[in-house]
C-alpha atoms as a PDB file:
ATOM      1  CA  LEU A   1     -58.506  -8.663  -1.596  1.00  0.00           C
ATOM      2  CA  ILE A   2     -59.045 -10.836  -4.607  1.00  0.00           C
ATOM      3  CA  ILE A   3     -58.990  -9.167  -7.991  1.00  0.00           C
ATOM      4  CA  ARG A   4     -60.195 -11.011 -11.026  1.00  0.00           C
ATOM      5  CA  TYR A   5     -58.589 -10.235 -14.319  1.00  0.00           C
ATOM      6  CA  ASN A   6     -60.188 -10.880 -17.665  1.00  0.00           C
ATOM      7  CA  SER A   7     -56.848 -11.595 -19.328  1.00  0.00           C
ATOM      8  CA  LYS A   8     -53.236 -12.233 -18.411  1.00  0.00           C
ATOM      9  CA  TRP A   9     -52.374  -8.811 -19.913  1.00  0.00           C
ATOM     10  CA  GLU A  10     -54.592  -7.014 -17.418  1.00  0.00           C
ATOM     11  CA  LYS A  11     -52.790  -8.804 -14.588  1.00  0.00           C
ATOM     12  CA  LYS A  12     -49.385  -7.909 -16.036  1.00  0.00           C
ATOM     13  CA  LEU A  13     -50.424  -4.303 -16.545  1.00  0.00           C
ATOM     14  CA  TYR A  14     -51.653  -4.097 -12.951  1.00  0.00           C
ATOM     15  CA  ILE A  15     -48.439  -5.561 -11.619  1.00  0.00           C
ATOM     16  CA  PHE A  16     -46.369  -3.215 -13.794  1.00  0.00           C
ATOM     17  CA  SER A  17     -48.276  -0.166 -12.557  1.00  0.00           C
ATOM     18  CA  LYS A  18     -47.699  -1.208  -8.905  1.00  0.00           C
ATOM     19  CA  ILE A  19     -43.951  -1.730  -9.534  1.00  0.00           C
ATOM     20  CA  ASN A  20     -43.842   1.673 -11.263  1.00  0.00           C
ATOM     21  CA  GLU A  21     -45.490   3.367  -8.265  1.00  0.00           C
ATOM     22  CA  LEU A  22     -43.040   1.672  -5.891  1.00  0.00           C
ATOM     23  CA  LEU A  23     -40.018   2.658  -7.944  1.00  0.00           C
ATOM     24  CA  GLY A  24     -41.241   6.247  -8.229  1.00  0.00           C
ATOM     25  CA  SER A  25     -41.686   6.414  -4.512  1.00  0.00           C
ATOM     26  CA  LEU A  26     -38.185   5.021  -3.882  1.00  0.00           C
ATOM     27  CA  ILE A  27     -36.600   7.431  -6.343  1.00  0.00           C
ATOM     28  CA  ARG A  28     -38.322  10.429  -4.702  1.00  0.00           C
ATOM     29  CA  LYS A  29     -37.205   9.307  -1.228  1.00  0.00           C
ATOM     30  CA  PHE A  30     -33.662   8.668  -2.400  1.00  0.00           C
ATOM     31  CA  THR A  31     -33.476  12.069  -4.129  1.00  0.00           C
ATOM     32  CA  LYS A  32     -34.800  13.814  -1.045  1.00  0.00           C
ATOM     33  CA  ILE A  33     -32.280  12.097   1.224  1.00  0.00           C
ATOM     34  CA  SER A  34     -29.352  12.592  -1.070  1.00  0.00           C
ATOM     35  CA  LEU A  35     -30.126  16.299  -1.668  1.00  0.00           C
ATOM     36  CA  ARG A  36     -30.495  16.846   2.018  1.00  0.00           C
ATOM     37  CA  HIS A  37     -27.033  15.411   2.669  1.00  0.00           C
ATOM     38  CA  SER A  38     -25.142  16.124  -0.552  1.00  0.00           C
ATOM     39  CA  PHE A  39     -24.475  19.829  -0.128  1.00  0.00           C
ATOM     40  CA  ASN A  40     -23.765  21.945   2.864  1.00  0.00           C
ATOM     41  CA  GLU A  41     -25.834  24.916   3.894  1.00  0.00           C
ATOM     42  CA  GLU A  42     -23.729  27.468   2.026  1.00  0.00           C
ATOM     43  CA  ASN A  43     -24.084  25.613  -1.289  1.00  0.00           C
ATOM     44  CA  LYS A  44     -27.789  25.183  -0.643  1.00  0.00           C
ATOM     45  CA  ILE A  45     -28.228  28.903  -0.005  1.00  0.00           C
ATOM     46  CA  GLU A  46     -26.278  29.764  -3.161  1.00  0.00           C
ATOM     47  CA  LEU A  47     -28.508  27.427  -5.165  1.00  0.00           C
ATOM     48  CA  ILE A  48     -31.604  29.002  -3.597  1.00  0.00           C
ATOM     49  CA  LYS A  49     -30.387  32.496  -4.388  1.00  0.00           C
ATOM     50  CA  ALA A  50     -29.674  31.506  -8.021  1.00  0.00           C
ATOM     51  CA  TYR A  51     -33.131  29.922  -8.253  1.00  0.00           C
ATOM     52  CA  LEU A  52     -34.765  33.077  -6.911  1.00  0.00           C
ATOM     53  CA  GLU A  53     -32.813  35.262  -9.341  1.00  0.00           C
ATOM     54  CA  LYS A  54     -33.846  33.103 -12.240  1.00  0.00           C
ATOM     55  CA  ASN A  55     -37.523  32.685 -11.256  1.00  0.00           C
ATOM     56  CA  TYR A  56     -38.315  35.996  -9.501  1.00  0.00           C
ATOM     57  CA  MET A  57     -41.356  36.704 -11.658  1.00  0.00           C
ATOM     58  CA  ASN A  58     -43.163  33.537 -10.587  1.00  0.00           C
ATOM     59  CA  PRO A  59     -45.892  34.722  -8.185  1.00  0.00           C
ATOM     60  CA  ASN A  60     -45.835  31.465  -6.147  1.00  0.00           C
ATOM     61  CA  ILE A  61     -42.097  31.115  -5.847  1.00  0.00           C
ATOM     62  CA  LEU A  62     -41.868  31.654  -2.098  1.00  0.00           C
ATOM     63  CA  SER A  63     -44.701  29.287  -1.290  1.00  0.00           C
ATOM     64  CA  ASN A  64     -43.136  26.433  -3.267  1.00  0.00           C
ATOM     65  CA  ILE A  65     -39.354  26.885  -2.955  1.00  0.00           C
ATOM     66  CA  HIS A  66     -39.031  24.704   0.103  1.00  0.00           C
ATOM     67  CA  LYS A  67     -40.449  21.765  -1.911  1.00  0.00           C
ATOM     68  CA  LYS A  68     -37.860  22.286  -4.617  1.00  0.00           C
ATOM     69  CA  PHE A  69     -35.014  21.968  -2.119  1.00  0.00           C
ATOM     70  CA  TYR A  70     -36.605  19.345   0.137  1.00  0.00           C
ATOM     71  CA  VAL A  71     -36.485  21.487   3.252  1.00  0.00           C
ATOM     72  CA  SER A  72     -39.271  22.539   5.586  1.00  0.00           C
ATOM     73  CA  ARG A  73     -40.371  26.152   5.294  1.00  0.00           C
ATOM     74  CA  THR A  74     -39.190  26.900   8.826  1.00  0.00           C
ATOM     75  CA  ASP A  75     -35.693  25.428   8.298  1.00  0.00           C
ATOM     76  CA  LEU A  76     -35.323  27.102   4.907  1.00  0.00           C
ATOM     77  CA  SER A  77     -36.290  30.512   6.275  1.00  0.00           C
ATOM     78  CA  ARG A  78     -33.971  30.129   9.265  1.00  0.00           C
ATOM     79  CA  GLN A  79     -30.986  28.873   7.217  1.00  0.00           C
ATOM     80  CA  PHE A  80     -31.428  31.604   4.609  1.00  0.00           C
ATOM     81  CA  LYS A  81     -31.697  34.359   7.207  1.00  0.00           C
ATOM     82  CA  GLU A  82     -28.649  33.100   9.059  1.00  0.00           C
ATOM     83  CA  SER A  83     -26.599  32.944   5.903  1.00  0.00           C
ATOM     84  CA  THR A  84     -27.658  36.200   4.168  1.00  0.00           C
ATOM     85  CA  ASN A  85     -28.936  38.363   7.064  1.00  0.00           C
ATOM     86  CA  MET A  86     -32.162  38.884   5.136  1.00  0.00           C
ATOM     87  CA  GLY A  87     -35.358  36.875   4.802  1.00  0.00           C
ATOM     88  CA  LEU A  88     -36.488  35.163   1.651  1.00  0.00           C
ATOM     89  CA  HIS A  89     -39.214  37.762   1.036  1.00  0.00           C
ATOM     90  CA  GLU A  90     -36.765  40.642   1.547  1.00  0.00           C
ATOM     91  CA  TYR A  91     -34.220  39.037  -0.793  1.00  0.00           C
ATOM     92  CA  LEU A  92     -36.808  38.440  -3.468  1.00  0.00           C
ATOM     93  CA  LYS A  93     -38.012  42.065  -3.142  1.00  0.00           C
ATOM     94  CA  SER A  94     -34.409  43.284  -3.586  1.00  0.00           C
ATOM     95  CA  ILE A  95     -34.031  41.283  -6.773  1.00  0.00           C
ATOM     96  CA  LYS A  96     -37.280  42.687  -8.143  1.00  0.00           C
ATOM     97  CA  MET A  97     -36.448  46.284  -7.185  1.00  0.00           C
ATOM     98  CA  GLU A  98     -32.959  46.157  -8.738  1.00  0.00           C
ATOM     99  CA  LYS A  99     -34.467  44.663 -11.878  1.00  0.00           C
ATOM    100  CA  ALA A 100     -37.185  47.379 -11.886  1.00  0.00           C
ATOM    101  CA  TYR A 101     -34.556  50.125 -11.519  1.00  0.00           C
ATOM    102  CA  TYR A 102     -32.625  48.740 -14.466  1.00  0.00           C
ATOM    103  CA  LEU A 103     -35.701  48.298 -16.653  1.00  0.00           C
ATOM    104  CA  ILE A 104     -36.981  51.820 -15.955  1.00  0.00           C
ATOM    105  CA  LEU A 105     -33.666  53.393 -16.794  1.00  0.00           C
ATOM    106  CA  ASN A 106     -32.482  51.271 -19.663  1.00  0.00           C
ATOM    107  CA  GLU A 107     -35.368  49.516 -21.406  1.00  0.00           C
ATOM    108  CA  ASN A 108     -37.547  52.596 -22.026  1.00  0.00           C
ATOM    109  CA  LYS A 109     -40.611  50.702 -20.826  1.00  0.00           C
ATOM    110  CA  LYS A 110     -43.639  52.212 -19.158  1.00  0.00           C
ATOM    111  CA  VAL A 111     -43.563  51.843 -15.375  1.00  0.00           C
ATOM    112  CA  SER A 112     -46.832  49.883 -15.512  1.00  0.00           C
ATOM    113  CA  GLU A 113     -45.230  47.419 -17.916  1.00  0.00           C
ATOM    114  CA  VAL A 114     -42.255  47.029 -15.590  1.00  0.00           C
ATOM    115  CA  SER A 115     -44.620  46.459 -12.667  1.00  0.00           C
ATOM    116  CA  LEU A 116     -46.480  43.688 -14.496  1.00  0.00           C
ATOM    117  CA  SER A 117     -43.290  42.084 -15.792  1.00  0.00           C
ATOM    118  CA  LEU A 118     -42.041  41.726 -12.200  1.00  0.00           C
ATOM    119  CA  GLY A 119     -45.285  40.106 -10.997  1.00  0.00           C
ATOM    120  CA  TYR A 120     -46.896  43.152  -9.388  1.00  0.00           C
ATOM    121  CA  GLN A 121     -50.493  43.316 -10.534  1.00  0.00           C
ATOM    122  CA  ASN A 122     -51.216  46.477  -8.582  1.00  0.00           C
ATOM    123  CA  TYR A 123     -49.218  49.439  -9.876  1.00  0.00           C
ATOM    124  CA  GLY A 124     -49.832  51.499  -6.768  1.00  0.00           C
ATOM    125  CA  TYR A 125     -48.418  48.792  -4.563  1.00  0.00           C
ATOM    126  CA  PHE A 126     -45.365  48.463  -6.809  1.00  0.00           C
ATOM    127  CA  SER A 127     -44.838  52.230  -6.739  1.00  0.00           C
ATOM    128  CA  LYS A 128     -45.080  52.269  -2.932  1.00  0.00           C
ATOM    129  CA  ILE A 129     -42.536  49.435  -2.563  1.00  0.00           C
ATOM    130  CA  PHE A 130     -40.222  51.089  -5.068  1.00  0.00           C
ATOM    131  CA  PHE A 131     -40.362  54.331  -3.137  1.00  0.00           C
ATOM    132  CA  LYS A 132     -39.590  52.574   0.168  1.00  0.00           C
ATOM    133  CA  TYR A 133     -36.629  50.806  -1.453  1.00  0.00           C
ATOM    134  CA  PHE A 134     -35.069  53.707  -3.381  1.00  0.00           C
ATOM    135  CA  GLY A 135     -36.607  56.850  -1.854  1.00  0.00           C
ATOM    136  CA  ILE A 136     -37.984  57.950  -5.252  1.00  0.00           C
ATOM    137  CA  TYR A 137     -41.116  56.968  -7.118  1.00  0.00           C
ATOM    138  CA  PRO A 138     -40.626  55.054 -10.375  1.00  0.00           C
ATOM    139  CA  ASN A 139     -42.218  57.796 -12.496  1.00  0.00           C
ATOM    140  CA  GLN A 140     -39.888  60.356 -10.962  1.00  0.00           C
ATOM    141  CA  LEU A 141     -36.966  58.150 -11.796  1.00  0.00           C
ATOM    142  CA  LYS A 142     -38.110  57.691 -15.351  1.00  0.00           C
ATOM    143  CA  ASN A 143     -38.629  61.417 -15.909  1.00  0.00           C
ATOM    144  CA  SER A 144     -35.501  62.667 -14.198  1.00  0.00           C
ATOM    145  CA  ASP A 145     -31.784  63.062 -14.711  1.00  0.00           C
ATOM    146  CA  TYR A 146     -31.067  60.023 -12.539  1.00  0.00           C
ATOM    147  CA  LYS A 147     -30.822  58.046 -15.734  1.00  0.00           C
ATOM    148  CA  TYR A 148     -27.725  59.964 -16.786  1.00  0.00           C
ATOM    149  CA  GLU A 149     -26.187  59.765 -13.301  1.00  0.00           C
ATOM    150  CA  PHE A 150     -26.763  56.027 -13.253  1.00  0.00           C
ATOM    151  CA  LEU A 151     -25.212  55.541 -16.680  1.00  0.00           C
ATOM    152  CA  GLU A 152     -22.132  57.565 -15.565  1.00  0.00           C
ATOM    153  CA  LEU A 153     -21.778  55.401 -12.470  1.00  0.00           C
ATOM    154  CA  VAL A 154     -21.945  52.279 -14.633  1.00  0.00           C
ATOM    155  CA  LYS A 155     -19.244  53.695 -16.988  1.00  0.00           C
ATOM    156  CA  ASP A 156     -17.008  54.503 -14.006  1.00  0.00           C
ATOM    157  CA  TYR A 157     -17.495  51.055 -12.576  1.00  0.00           C
ATOM    158  CA  GLN A 158     -16.510  49.285 -15.773  1.00  0.00           C
END
């Protein structure tokens, strides 16, 4: 392939862009290989858990997390399950439910606001999941004496 350049600067710019592409590719490959080998599975799982706890409200977190840690979806799911005895989806749900419980009891927010802040667009679905997780609906929790029992437990724990 013969490319004609109108000036020597066009040729230099073209060569520079190709070198830049090559370097970017090498850096990505090196990062991928070094991350794959730099930490053991336990450290990787702890990093993944911390990432989930920090980014739980992102609606696409589970579909993209394997890319962040340079692991296939299958391997990531298997390693996480073996290490924590729960799947990624189940772990993420537990983070959201614990956060919802805290927000309902302590932040004096409407349950619909809590639902939206946790990434649940459908309030009914959120309420159903909350009930399955805690055995009580979020509105019942908000309008009950559980708040005071929870605060007493927290005081006893500290």
